[in-house]
């Protein structure tokens, strides 16, 4: 999946980052930040694309849940089990769930759908989702910035090691050839 995302980001830039945030936001942002480190994209552009893509994705899932409602959840046992967890969290923590759901692994895609099916007001959802998206996209972009720097430095070190190893292989191959050549000459002279 990462290879596919990297290819899409290299080919389609910010649009690919935004589209990737529908499905796998962190990976899309990290790859976008790697592209920014290589001068292909800008860091602010990656953040903006991630923010817009996430808001659009969340709200599309919310409205699908709003239209399809509870019967769609009842037909899918795995979704229904998670929906029950989301409902319990929503009853207990309210707005905090709507702001922070994307930080909950394995619930971030389903939560907007469930919130829509529960009849949460679209404007209320948009308000809290906007706040949560800004927090999430900013956090992930900043962390990805540092990860992308670390990855870039690691790749640079690996390339330096590869170059040193290549030089060593060339020197050793040259030395082996010279030893072989000198032995062969020595054997030819002694015959």
N, C-alpha and C. Protein backbone atom coordinates (compact mmCIF):
# COMPACT_ATOMS: atom_id res chain seq x y z
N UNK A 1 0.82 -1.20 0.00
CA UNK A 1 0.00 0.00 0.00
C UNK A 1 0.87 1.27 0.00
N UNK A 2 1.96 1.25 0.76
CA UNK A 2 2.83 2.42 0.84
C UNK A 2 3.42 2.73 -0.54
N UNK A 3 3.85 1.69 -1.27
CA UNK A 3 4.40 1.92 -2.61
C UNK A 3 3.38 2.57 -3.52
N UNK A 4 2.14 2.10 -3.44
CA UNK A 4 1.07 2.67 -4.26
C UNK A 4 0.84 4.13 -3.89
N UNK A 5 0.77 4.43 -2.58
CA UNK A 5 0.58 5.81 -2.13
C UNK A 5 1.73 6.70 -2.59
N UNK A 6 2.97 6.19 -2.47
CA UNK A 6 4.13 6.99 -2.88
C UNK A 6 4.05 7.31 -4.37
N UNK A 7 3.69 6.32 -5.17
CA UNK A 7 3.56 6.54 -6.62
C UNK A 7 2.47 7.59 -6.89
N UNK A 8 1.34 7.47 -6.22
CA UNK A 8 0.24 8.42 -6.42
C UNK A 8 0.63 9.83 -6.00
N UNK A 9 1.35 9.94 -4.89
CA UNK A 9 1.77 11.27 -4.42
C UNK A 9 2.79 11.87 -5.39
N UNK A 10 3.71 11.05 -5.87
CA UNK A 10 4.68 11.55 -6.85
C UNK A 10 3.99 11.99 -8.13
N UNK A 11 2.92 11.28 -8.51
CA UNK A 11 2.22 11.56 -9.77
C UNK A 11 1.19 12.69 -9.62
N UNK A 12 0.41 12.66 -8.53
CA UNK A 12 -0.73 13.58 -8.41
C UNK A 12 -0.59 14.61 -7.28
N UNK A 13 0.50 14.59 -6.54
CA UNK A 13 0.78 15.61 -5.54
C UNK A 13 -0.25 15.75 -4.44
N UNK A 14 -0.69 16.98 -4.23
CA UNK A 14 -1.59 17.30 -3.13
C UNK A 14 -2.92 16.56 -3.24
N UNK A 15 -3.40 16.36 -4.45
CA UNK A 15 -4.65 15.63 -4.64
C UNK A 15 -4.52 14.22 -4.08
N UNK A 16 -3.38 13.57 -4.28
CA UNK A 16 -3.17 12.22 -3.76
C UNK A 16 -3.10 12.23 -2.24
N UNK A 17 -2.49 13.25 -1.65
CA UNK A 17 -2.45 13.36 -0.19
C UNK A 17 -3.88 13.49 0.35
N UNK A 18 -4.66 14.37 -0.27
CA UNK A 18 -6.06 14.57 0.17
C UNK A 18 -6.86 13.30 0.01
N UNK A 19 -6.74 12.64 -1.14
CA UNK A 19 -7.49 11.40 -1.37
C UNK A 19 -7.03 10.31 -0.41
N UNK A 20 -5.74 10.25 -0.13
CA UNK A 20 -5.22 9.25 0.79
C UNK A 20 -5.75 9.42 2.20
N UNK A 21 -6.10 10.65 2.56
CA UNK A 21 -6.65 10.90 3.90
C UNK A 21 -8.06 10.37 4.06
N UNK A 22 -8.71 9.97 2.97
CA UNK A 22 -9.99 9.28 3.07
C UNK A 22 -9.79 7.91 3.73
N UNK A 23 -8.63 7.29 3.46
CA UNK A 23 -8.41 5.90 3.85
C UNK A 23 -7.29 5.74 4.87
N UNK A 24 -6.12 6.27 4.57
CA UNK A 24 -4.94 6.05 5.41
C UNK A 24 -4.22 7.39 5.57
N UNK A 25 -4.71 8.19 6.46
CA UNK A 25 -4.21 9.55 6.60
C UNK A 25 -2.76 9.67 6.99
N UNK A 26 -2.33 8.91 8.00
CA UNK A 26 -0.97 9.06 8.49
C UNK A 26 0.05 8.73 7.40
N UNK A 27 -0.17 7.63 6.70
CA UNK A 27 0.77 7.22 5.65
C UNK A 27 0.80 8.26 4.53
N UNK A 28 -0.35 8.79 4.17
CA UNK A 28 -0.41 9.79 3.10
C UNK A 28 0.34 11.05 3.51
N UNK A 29 0.16 11.47 4.74
CA UNK A 29 0.84 12.68 5.21
C UNK A 29 2.34 12.44 5.29
N UNK A 30 2.76 11.29 5.82
CA UNK A 30 4.19 11.00 5.91
C UNK A 30 4.83 10.98 4.52
N UNK A 31 4.19 10.34 3.59
CA UNK A 31 4.73 10.30 2.23
C UNK A 31 4.72 11.70 1.60
N UNK A 32 3.67 12.48 1.90
CA UNK A 32 3.64 13.86 1.43
C UNK A 32 4.78 14.69 2.00
N UNK A 33 5.09 14.44 3.27
CA UNK A 33 6.21 15.17 3.89
C UNK A 33 7.55 14.71 3.34
N UNK A 34 7.67 13.43 3.01
CA UNK A 34 8.88 12.96 2.34
C UNK A 34 9.03 13.65 0.98
N UNK A 35 7.90 13.79 0.28
CA UNK A 35 7.92 14.51 -1.01
C UNK A 35 8.29 15.97 -0.80
N UNK A 36 7.81 16.57 0.28
CA UNK A 36 8.17 17.95 0.59
C UNK A 36 9.67 18.08 0.88
N UNK A 37 10.23 17.11 1.59
CA UNK A 37 11.67 17.13 1.86
C UNK A 37 12.49 17.03 0.58
N UNK A 38 11.90 16.40 -0.44
CA UNK A 38 12.60 16.26 -1.72
C UNK A 38 12.25 17.40 -2.68
N UNK A 39 11.51 18.40 -2.22
CA UNK A 39 11.18 19.55 -3.04
C UNK A 39 10.04 19.34 -4.02
N UNK A 40 9.34 18.21 -3.91
CA UNK A 40 8.23 17.92 -4.83
C UNK A 40 6.97 18.66 -4.39
N UNK A 41 6.72 18.74 -3.09
CA UNK A 41 5.57 19.43 -2.51
C UNK A 41 6.07 20.39 -1.44
N UNK A 42 5.16 21.19 -0.88
CA UNK A 42 5.52 22.03 0.26
C UNK A 42 4.86 21.47 1.51
N UNK A 43 5.46 21.73 2.66
CA UNK A 43 4.90 21.23 3.92
C UNK A 43 3.52 21.82 4.19
N UNK A 44 3.36 23.12 3.95
CA UNK A 44 2.05 23.75 4.18
C UNK A 44 1.00 23.18 3.24
N UNK A 45 1.40 22.90 2.02
CA UNK A 45 0.48 22.30 1.05
C UNK A 45 0.05 20.91 1.47
N UNK A 46 0.98 20.13 2.02
CA UNK A 46 0.64 18.79 2.51
C UNK A 46 -0.36 18.90 3.65
N UNK A 47 -0.11 19.83 4.59
CA UNK A 47 -1.03 20.02 5.71
C UNK A 47 -2.42 20.42 5.21
N UNK A 48 -2.48 21.37 4.28
CA UNK A 48 -3.76 21.83 3.77
C UNK A 48 -4.50 20.72 3.03
N UNK A 49 -3.78 19.96 2.21
CA UNK A 49 -4.41 18.85 1.48
C UNK A 49 -4.93 17.80 2.44
N UNK A 50 -4.15 17.50 3.48
CA UNK A 50 -4.58 16.51 4.48
C UNK A 50 -5.82 17.00 5.23
N UNK A 51 -5.84 18.27 5.57
CA UNK A 51 -6.97 18.83 6.29
C UNK A 51 -8.24 18.78 5.44
N UNK A 52 -8.14 19.22 4.21
CA UNK A 52 -9.31 19.22 3.32
C UNK A 52 -9.77 17.79 3.03
N UNK A 53 -8.83 16.90 2.72
CA UNK A 53 -9.18 15.51 2.43
C UNK A 53 -9.85 14.83 3.61
N UNK A 54 -9.35 15.09 4.80
CA UNK A 54 -9.92 14.49 6.00
C UNK A 54 -11.33 15.02 6.26
N UNK A 55 -11.50 16.33 6.16
CA UNK A 55 -12.83 16.92 6.36
C UNK A 55 -13.84 16.37 5.35
N UNK A 56 -13.43 16.30 4.10
CA UNK A 56 -14.34 15.77 3.07
C UNK A 56 -14.68 14.31 3.34
N UNK A 57 -13.67 13.51 3.64
CA UNK A 57 -13.90 12.10 3.90
C UNK A 57 -14.81 11.87 5.09
N UNK A 58 -14.53 12.56 6.19
CA UNK A 58 -15.36 12.41 7.39
C UNK A 58 -16.81 12.78 7.11
N UNK A 59 -17.00 13.88 6.40
CA UNK A 59 -18.36 14.35 6.16
C UNK A 59 -19.10 13.50 5.14
N UNK A 60 -18.38 12.93 4.19
CA UNK A 60 -19.03 12.00 3.26
C UNK A 60 -19.51 10.78 4.03
N UNK A 61 -18.62 10.20 4.89
CA UNK A 61 -19.03 9.03 5.68
C UNK A 61 -20.18 9.38 6.63
N UNK A 62 -20.12 10.58 7.21
CA UNK A 62 -21.20 11.02 8.10
C UNK A 62 -22.54 11.04 7.35
N UNK A 63 -22.56 11.63 6.18
CA UNK A 63 -23.81 11.75 5.43
C UNK A 63 -24.30 10.40 4.89
N UNK A 64 -23.37 9.51 4.56
CA UNK A 64 -23.79 8.16 4.17
C UNK A 64 -24.46 7.48 5.36
N UNK A 65 -23.86 7.61 6.54
CA UNK A 65 -24.46 7.05 7.76
C UNK A 65 -25.80 7.68 8.06
N UNK A 66 -25.90 8.98 7.82
CA UNK A 66 -27.16 9.70 8.05
C UNK A 66 -28.27 9.16 7.14
N UNK A 67 -27.92 8.86 5.88
CA UNK A 67 -28.91 8.36 4.91
C UNK A 67 -29.22 6.88 5.13
N UNK A 68 -28.19 6.07 5.37
CA UNK A 68 -28.38 4.62 5.48
C UNK A 68 -28.88 4.20 6.86
N UNK A 69 -28.49 4.95 7.88
CA UNK A 69 -28.99 4.72 9.22
C UNK A 69 -28.61 3.40 9.87
N UNK A 70 -29.36 3.09 10.92
CA UNK A 70 -29.12 1.91 11.76
C UNK A 70 -29.29 0.59 11.01
N UNK A 71 -30.20 0.47 10.05
CA UNK A 71 -30.33 -0.82 9.36
C UNK A 71 -29.04 -1.27 8.67
N UNK A 72 -28.27 -0.34 8.16
CA UNK A 72 -27.01 -0.71 7.51
C UNK A 72 -26.03 -1.29 8.52
N UNK A 73 -26.03 -0.77 9.74
CA UNK A 73 -25.15 -1.30 10.77
C UNK A 73 -25.60 -2.68 11.22
N UNK A 74 -26.90 -2.88 11.31
CA UNK A 74 -27.44 -4.18 11.76
C UNK A 74 -27.06 -5.30 10.80
N UNK A 75 -26.88 -4.98 9.52
CA UNK A 75 -26.54 -5.99 8.51
C UNK A 75 -25.06 -6.38 8.56
N UNK A 76 -24.27 -5.63 9.25
CA UNK A 76 -22.83 -5.89 9.30
C UNK A 76 -22.40 -6.09 10.76
N UNK A 77 -22.24 -7.34 11.19
CA UNK A 77 -21.94 -7.61 12.60
C UNK A 77 -20.67 -6.94 13.12
N UNK A 78 -19.61 -6.92 12.30
CA UNK A 78 -18.38 -6.27 12.77
C UNK A 78 -18.59 -4.78 12.99
N UNK A 79 -19.28 -4.15 12.06
CA UNK A 79 -19.57 -2.72 12.20
C UNK A 79 -20.47 -2.49 13.41
N UNK A 80 -21.45 -3.37 13.58
CA UNK A 80 -22.41 -3.21 14.68
C UNK A 80 -21.69 -3.25 16.03
N UNK A 81 -20.73 -4.17 16.18
CA UNK A 81 -19.98 -4.27 17.43
C UNK A 81 -19.19 -2.99 17.70
N UNK A 82 -18.54 -2.48 16.68
CA UNK A 82 -17.78 -1.23 16.85
C UNK A 82 -18.72 -0.05 17.07
N UNK A 83 -19.85 -0.07 16.39
CA UNK A 83 -20.83 1.01 16.55
C UNK A 83 -21.31 1.08 17.99
N UNK A 84 -21.48 -0.06 18.61
CA UNK A 84 -21.90 -0.11 20.01
C UNK A 84 -20.83 0.53 20.89
N UNK A 85 -19.56 0.25 20.61
CA UNK A 85 -18.46 0.88 21.35
C UNK A 85 -18.47 2.39 21.16
N UNK A 86 -18.67 2.81 19.93
CA UNK A 86 -18.68 4.25 19.63
C UNK A 86 -19.84 4.93 20.34
N UNK A 87 -21.00 4.30 20.33
CA UNK A 87 -22.17 4.87 21.04
C UNK A 87 -21.88 5.02 22.52
N UNK A 88 -21.26 4.00 23.13
CA UNK A 88 -20.93 4.07 24.56
C UNK A 88 -19.95 5.21 24.83
N UNK A 89 -18.94 5.35 23.95
CA UNK A 89 -17.98 6.45 24.11
C UNK A 89 -18.67 7.80 23.96
N UNK A 90 -19.57 7.89 22.98
CA UNK A 90 -20.28 9.15 22.75
C UNK A 90 -21.16 9.52 23.93
N UNK A 91 -21.86 8.53 24.50
CA UNK A 91 -22.70 8.80 25.68
C UNK A 91 -21.86 9.26 26.86
N UNK A 92 -20.69 8.67 26.99
CA UNK A 92 -19.85 8.98 28.15
C UNK A 92 -19.07 10.28 27.98
N UNK A 93 -18.52 10.52 26.77
CA UNK A 93 -17.61 11.65 26.58
C UNK A 93 -18.13 12.74 25.65
N UNK A 94 -19.23 12.50 24.94
CA UNK A 94 -19.86 13.50 24.10
C UNK A 94 -18.97 14.11 23.03
N UNK A 95 -18.79 15.43 23.10
CA UNK A 95 -18.07 16.18 22.07
C UNK A 95 -16.61 15.74 21.94
N UNK A 96 -16.03 15.24 23.03
CA UNK A 96 -14.63 14.81 22.97
C UNK A 96 -14.48 13.68 21.94
N UNK A 97 -15.47 12.82 21.84
CA UNK A 97 -15.43 11.73 20.86
C UNK A 97 -15.48 12.30 19.45
N UNK A 98 -16.34 13.30 19.24
CA UNK A 98 -16.45 13.89 17.91
C UNK A 98 -15.19 14.66 17.52
N UNK A 99 -14.48 15.19 18.50
CA UNK A 99 -13.24 15.90 18.21
C UNK A 99 -12.08 14.92 18.04
N UNK A 100 -12.02 13.89 18.86
CA UNK A 100 -10.83 13.05 18.89
C UNK A 100 -10.94 11.67 18.28
N UNK A 101 -12.05 11.37 17.58
CA UNK A 101 -12.24 10.00 17.10
C UNK A 101 -11.15 9.53 16.15
N UNK A 102 -10.53 10.39 15.40
CA UNK A 102 -9.54 9.93 14.42
C UNK A 102 -8.25 9.49 15.09
N UNK A 103 -8.12 9.78 16.39
CA UNK A 103 -6.97 9.27 17.14
C UNK A 103 -7.22 7.86 17.68
N UNK A 104 -8.45 7.36 17.51
CA UNK A 104 -8.81 6.01 17.97
C UNK A 104 -8.63 5.03 16.82
N UNK A 105 -7.63 4.20 16.90
CA UNK A 105 -7.34 3.25 15.84
C UNK A 105 -8.52 2.30 15.67
N UNK A 106 -8.81 1.96 14.45
CA UNK A 106 -9.86 1.02 14.04
C UNK A 106 -11.27 1.57 14.25
N UNK A 107 -11.39 2.82 14.60
CA UNK A 107 -12.72 3.41 14.76
C UNK A 107 -12.88 4.69 13.96
N UNK A 108 -11.79 5.18 13.40
CA UNK A 108 -11.86 6.49 12.78
C UNK A 108 -12.70 6.51 11.50
N UNK A 109 -12.71 5.44 10.74
CA UNK A 109 -13.51 5.43 9.52
C UNK A 109 -14.98 5.20 9.81
N UNK A 110 -15.25 4.41 10.82
CA UNK A 110 -16.63 4.05 11.14
C UNK A 110 -17.34 5.12 11.98
N UNK A 111 -16.60 5.85 12.77
CA UNK A 111 -17.21 6.81 13.69
C UNK A 111 -18.08 7.85 12.99
N UNK A 112 -17.63 8.51 11.91
CA UNK A 112 -18.52 9.46 11.25
C UNK A 112 -19.80 8.79 10.74
N UNK A 113 -19.68 7.58 10.22
CA UNK A 113 -20.86 6.84 9.75
C UNK A 113 -21.83 6.61 10.91
N UNK A 114 -21.30 6.16 12.04
CA UNK A 114 -22.15 5.89 13.22
C UNK A 114 -22.77 7.17 13.73
N UNK A 115 -22.00 8.24 13.80
CA UNK A 115 -22.54 9.52 14.28
C UNK A 115 -23.67 10.00 13.37
N UNK A 116 -23.51 9.80 12.07
CA UNK A 116 -24.58 10.15 11.14
C UNK A 116 -25.81 9.28 11.36
N UNK A 117 -25.61 8.00 11.61
CA UNK A 117 -26.74 7.10 11.81
C UNK A 117 -27.46 7.36 13.13
N UNK A 118 -26.78 7.98 14.08
CA UNK A 118 -27.39 8.29 15.37
C UNK A 118 -28.22 9.57 15.33
N UNK A 119 -28.17 10.26 14.20
CA UNK A 119 -28.97 11.47 14.08
C UNK A 119 -28.30 12.72 14.62
N UNK A 120 -26.98 12.68 14.79
CA UNK A 120 -26.25 13.87 15.21
C UNK A 120 -26.46 14.93 14.13
N UNK A 121 -26.67 16.17 14.55
CA UNK A 121 -26.86 17.26 13.60
C UNK A 121 -25.64 17.41 12.69
N UNK A 122 -25.86 17.53 11.38
CA UNK A 122 -24.73 17.72 10.46
C UNK A 122 -23.87 18.94 10.79
N UNK A 123 -24.50 20.03 11.23
CA UNK A 123 -23.73 21.22 11.56
C UNK A 123 -22.91 21.01 12.83
N UNK A 124 -23.49 20.31 13.79
CA UNK A 124 -22.76 20.00 15.03
C UNK A 124 -21.56 19.11 14.70
N UNK A 125 -21.79 18.09 13.87
CA UNK A 125 -20.70 17.21 13.48
C UNK A 125 -19.61 18.00 12.76
N UNK A 126 -20.00 18.84 11.81
CA UNK A 126 -19.03 19.63 11.04
C UNK A 126 -18.19 20.51 11.97
N UNK A 127 -18.83 21.14 12.94
CA UNK A 127 -18.14 22.01 13.88
C UNK A 127 -17.06 21.24 14.65
N UNK A 128 -17.46 20.14 15.28
CA UNK A 128 -16.52 19.35 16.07
C UNK A 128 -15.49 18.64 15.18
N UNK A 129 -15.93 18.22 14.01
CA UNK A 129 -15.00 17.56 13.09
C UNK A 129 -13.94 18.54 12.61
N UNK A 130 -14.32 19.77 12.37
CA UNK A 130 -13.37 20.79 11.94
C UNK A 130 -12.30 20.99 13.01
N UNK A 131 -12.71 21.11 14.26
CA UNK A 131 -11.75 21.27 15.36
C UNK A 131 -10.84 20.04 15.44
N UNK A 132 -11.44 18.86 15.43
CA UNK A 132 -10.66 17.62 15.52
C UNK A 132 -9.72 17.44 14.35
N UNK A 133 -10.18 17.79 13.16
CA UNK A 133 -9.34 17.65 11.98
C UNK A 133 -8.14 18.58 12.05
N UNK A 134 -8.34 19.81 12.50
CA UNK A 134 -7.22 20.75 12.63
C UNK A 134 -6.18 20.22 13.63
N UNK A 135 -6.66 19.69 14.74
CA UNK A 135 -5.74 19.13 15.74
C UNK A 135 -5.00 17.94 15.15
N UNK A 136 -5.76 17.02 14.53
CA UNK A 136 -5.16 15.80 13.99
C UNK A 136 -4.19 16.09 12.85
N UNK A 137 -4.62 16.89 11.88
CA UNK A 137 -3.76 17.13 10.71
C UNK A 137 -2.50 17.90 11.10
N UNK A 138 -2.63 18.82 12.03
CA UNK A 138 -1.46 19.56 12.50
C UNK A 138 -0.49 18.63 13.24
N UNK A 139 -1.03 17.82 14.14
CA UNK A 139 -0.20 16.89 14.92
C UNK A 139 0.52 15.92 14.00
N UNK A 140 -0.21 15.29 13.10
CA UNK A 140 0.39 14.28 12.23
C UNK A 140 1.38 14.92 11.26
N UNK A 141 1.08 16.13 10.79
CA UNK A 141 2.00 16.80 9.87
C UNK A 141 3.30 17.16 10.58
N UNK A 142 3.22 17.66 11.79
CA UNK A 142 4.44 18.02 12.53
C UNK A 142 5.26 16.76 12.83
N UNK A 143 4.61 15.71 13.31
CA UNK A 143 5.33 14.46 13.58
C UNK A 143 5.93 13.91 12.30
N UNK A 144 5.17 13.96 11.21
CA UNK A 144 5.67 13.46 9.92
C UNK A 144 6.85 14.28 9.41
N UNK A 145 6.85 15.57 9.71
CA UNK A 145 7.99 16.42 9.33
C UNK A 145 9.27 15.87 9.95
N UNK A 146 9.22 15.59 11.25
CA UNK A 146 10.41 15.08 11.93
C UNK A 146 10.76 13.66 11.47
N UNK A 147 9.74 12.84 11.26
CA UNK A 147 10.00 11.49 10.74
C UNK A 147 10.61 11.54 9.35
N UNK A 148 10.08 12.42 8.51
CA UNK A 148 10.61 12.55 7.14
C UNK A 148 12.06 13.01 7.18
N UNK A 149 12.38 13.94 8.08
CA UNK A 149 13.78 14.37 8.23
C UNK A 149 14.66 13.20 8.66
N UNK A 150 14.18 12.43 9.63
CA UNK A 150 14.95 11.29 10.12
C UNK A 150 15.13 10.24 9.02
N UNK A 151 14.07 9.99 8.27
CA UNK A 151 14.14 9.03 7.16
C UNK A 151 15.12 9.53 6.11
N UNK A 152 15.06 10.82 5.79
CA UNK A 152 15.98 11.41 4.82
C UNK A 152 17.43 11.27 5.27
N UNK A 153 17.68 11.53 6.55
CA UNK A 153 19.04 11.39 7.08
C UNK A 153 19.48 9.93 7.04
N UNK A 154 18.57 9.01 7.38
CA UNK A 154 18.91 7.58 7.34
C UNK A 154 19.25 7.15 5.92
N UNK A 155 18.45 7.60 4.97
CA UNK A 155 18.71 7.26 3.57
C UNK A 155 20.05 7.83 3.13
N UNK A 156 20.34 9.05 3.55
CA UNK A 156 21.63 9.67 3.20
C UNK A 156 22.79 8.85 3.78
N UNK A 157 22.64 8.43 5.05
CA UNK A 157 23.69 7.61 5.67
C UNK A 157 23.82 6.26 4.95
N UNK A 158 22.70 5.68 4.60
CA UNK A 158 22.72 4.40 3.88
C UNK A 158 23.42 4.57 2.54
N UNK A 159 23.12 5.67 1.84
CA UNK A 159 23.77 5.93 0.56
C UNK A 159 25.27 6.12 0.73
N UNK A 160 25.68 6.81 1.80
CA UNK A 160 27.11 6.98 2.07
C UNK A 160 27.77 5.63 2.35
N UNK A 161 27.10 4.79 3.12
CA UNK A 161 27.63 3.45 3.42
C UNK A 161 27.70 2.63 2.14
N UNK A 162 26.65 2.71 1.32
CA UNK A 162 26.66 1.97 0.05
C UNK A 162 27.83 2.42 -0.83
N UNK A 163 28.06 3.73 -0.89
CA UNK A 163 29.18 4.24 -1.70
C UNK A 163 30.51 3.77 -1.15
N UNK A 164 30.65 3.77 0.18
CA UNK A 164 31.90 3.30 0.79
C UNK A 164 32.09 1.81 0.52
N UNK A 165 31.01 1.04 0.64
CA UNK A 165 31.09 -0.39 0.36
C UNK A 165 31.43 -0.65 -1.10
N UNK A 166 30.84 0.12 -2.00
CA UNK A 166 31.15 -0.02 -3.42
C UNK A 166 32.63 0.27 -3.67
N UNK A 167 33.14 1.33 -3.06
CA UNK A 167 34.56 1.67 -3.22
C UNK A 167 35.44 0.55 -2.66
N UNK A 168 35.03 0.00 -1.52
CA UNK A 168 35.78 -1.10 -0.92
C UNK A 168 35.78 -2.33 -1.82
N UNK A 169 34.63 -2.66 -2.39
CA UNK A 169 34.52 -3.79 -3.31
C UNK A 169 35.42 -3.58 -4.53
N UNK A 170 35.42 -2.36 -5.06
CA UNK A 170 36.25 -2.06 -6.23
C UNK A 170 37.73 -2.21 -5.87
N UNK A 171 38.13 -1.68 -4.72
CA UNK A 171 39.53 -1.78 -4.29
C UNK A 171 39.91 -3.24 -4.07
N UNK A 172 39.04 -4.01 -3.38
CA UNK A 172 39.33 -5.43 -3.13
C UNK A 172 39.37 -6.22 -4.43
N UNK A 173 38.46 -5.93 -5.35
CA UNK A 173 38.47 -6.62 -6.65
C UNK A 173 39.75 -6.27 -7.41
N UNK A 174 40.15 -5.00 -7.37
CA UNK A 174 41.40 -4.58 -8.02
C UNK A 174 42.60 -5.26 -7.39
N UNK A 175 42.62 -5.35 -6.07
CA UNK A 175 43.74 -6.01 -5.37
C UNK A 175 43.77 -7.50 -5.70
N UNK A 176 42.60 -8.13 -5.73
CA UNK A 176 42.53 -9.56 -6.08
C UNK A 176 43.01 -9.77 -7.51
N UNK A 177 42.62 -8.91 -8.41
CA UNK A 177 43.06 -9.03 -9.80
C UNK A 177 44.57 -8.85 -9.89
N UNK A 178 45.11 -7.85 -9.14
CA UNK A 178 46.56 -7.60 -9.16
C UNK A 178 47.32 -8.81 -8.62
N UNK A 179 46.86 -9.39 -7.51
CA UNK A 179 47.50 -10.59 -6.96
C UNK A 179 47.45 -11.71 -7.98
N UNK A 180 46.29 -11.92 -8.58
CA UNK A 180 46.15 -12.96 -9.61
C UNK A 180 47.11 -12.70 -10.77
N UNK A 181 47.16 -11.47 -11.24
CA UNK A 181 48.02 -11.11 -12.38
C UNK A 181 49.48 -11.34 -12.03
N UNK A 182 49.90 -10.88 -10.84
CA UNK A 182 51.30 -11.04 -10.45
C UNK A 182 51.66 -12.51 -10.28
N UNK A 183 50.79 -13.32 -9.73
CA UNK A 183 51.05 -14.75 -9.58
C UNK A 183 51.14 -15.41 -10.96
N UNK A 184 50.27 -15.04 -11.83
CA UNK A 184 50.28 -15.61 -13.17
C UNK A 184 51.57 -15.26 -13.90
N UNK A 185 51.99 -14.02 -13.79
CA UNK A 185 53.25 -13.58 -14.40
C UNK A 185 54.43 -14.32 -13.80
N UNK A 186 54.37 -14.49 -12.48
CA UNK A 186 55.45 -15.16 -11.78
C UNK A 186 55.53 -16.62 -12.24
N UNK A 187 54.38 -17.26 -12.40
CA UNK A 187 54.33 -18.65 -12.86
C UNK A 187 54.80 -18.74 -14.32
N UNK A 188 54.47 -17.79 -15.15
CA UNK A 188 54.90 -17.79 -16.56
C UNK A 188 56.42 -17.61 -16.65
N UNK A 189 56.99 -16.76 -15.81
CA UNK A 189 58.43 -16.50 -15.80
C UNK A 189 59.21 -17.70 -15.27
N UNK A 190 58.63 -18.44 -14.32
CA UNK A 190 59.35 -19.57 -13.76
C UNK A 190 59.28 -20.79 -14.69
N UNK A 191 58.37 -20.82 -15.63
CA UNK A 191 58.30 -21.95 -16.58
C UNK A 191 59.30 -21.78 -17.60
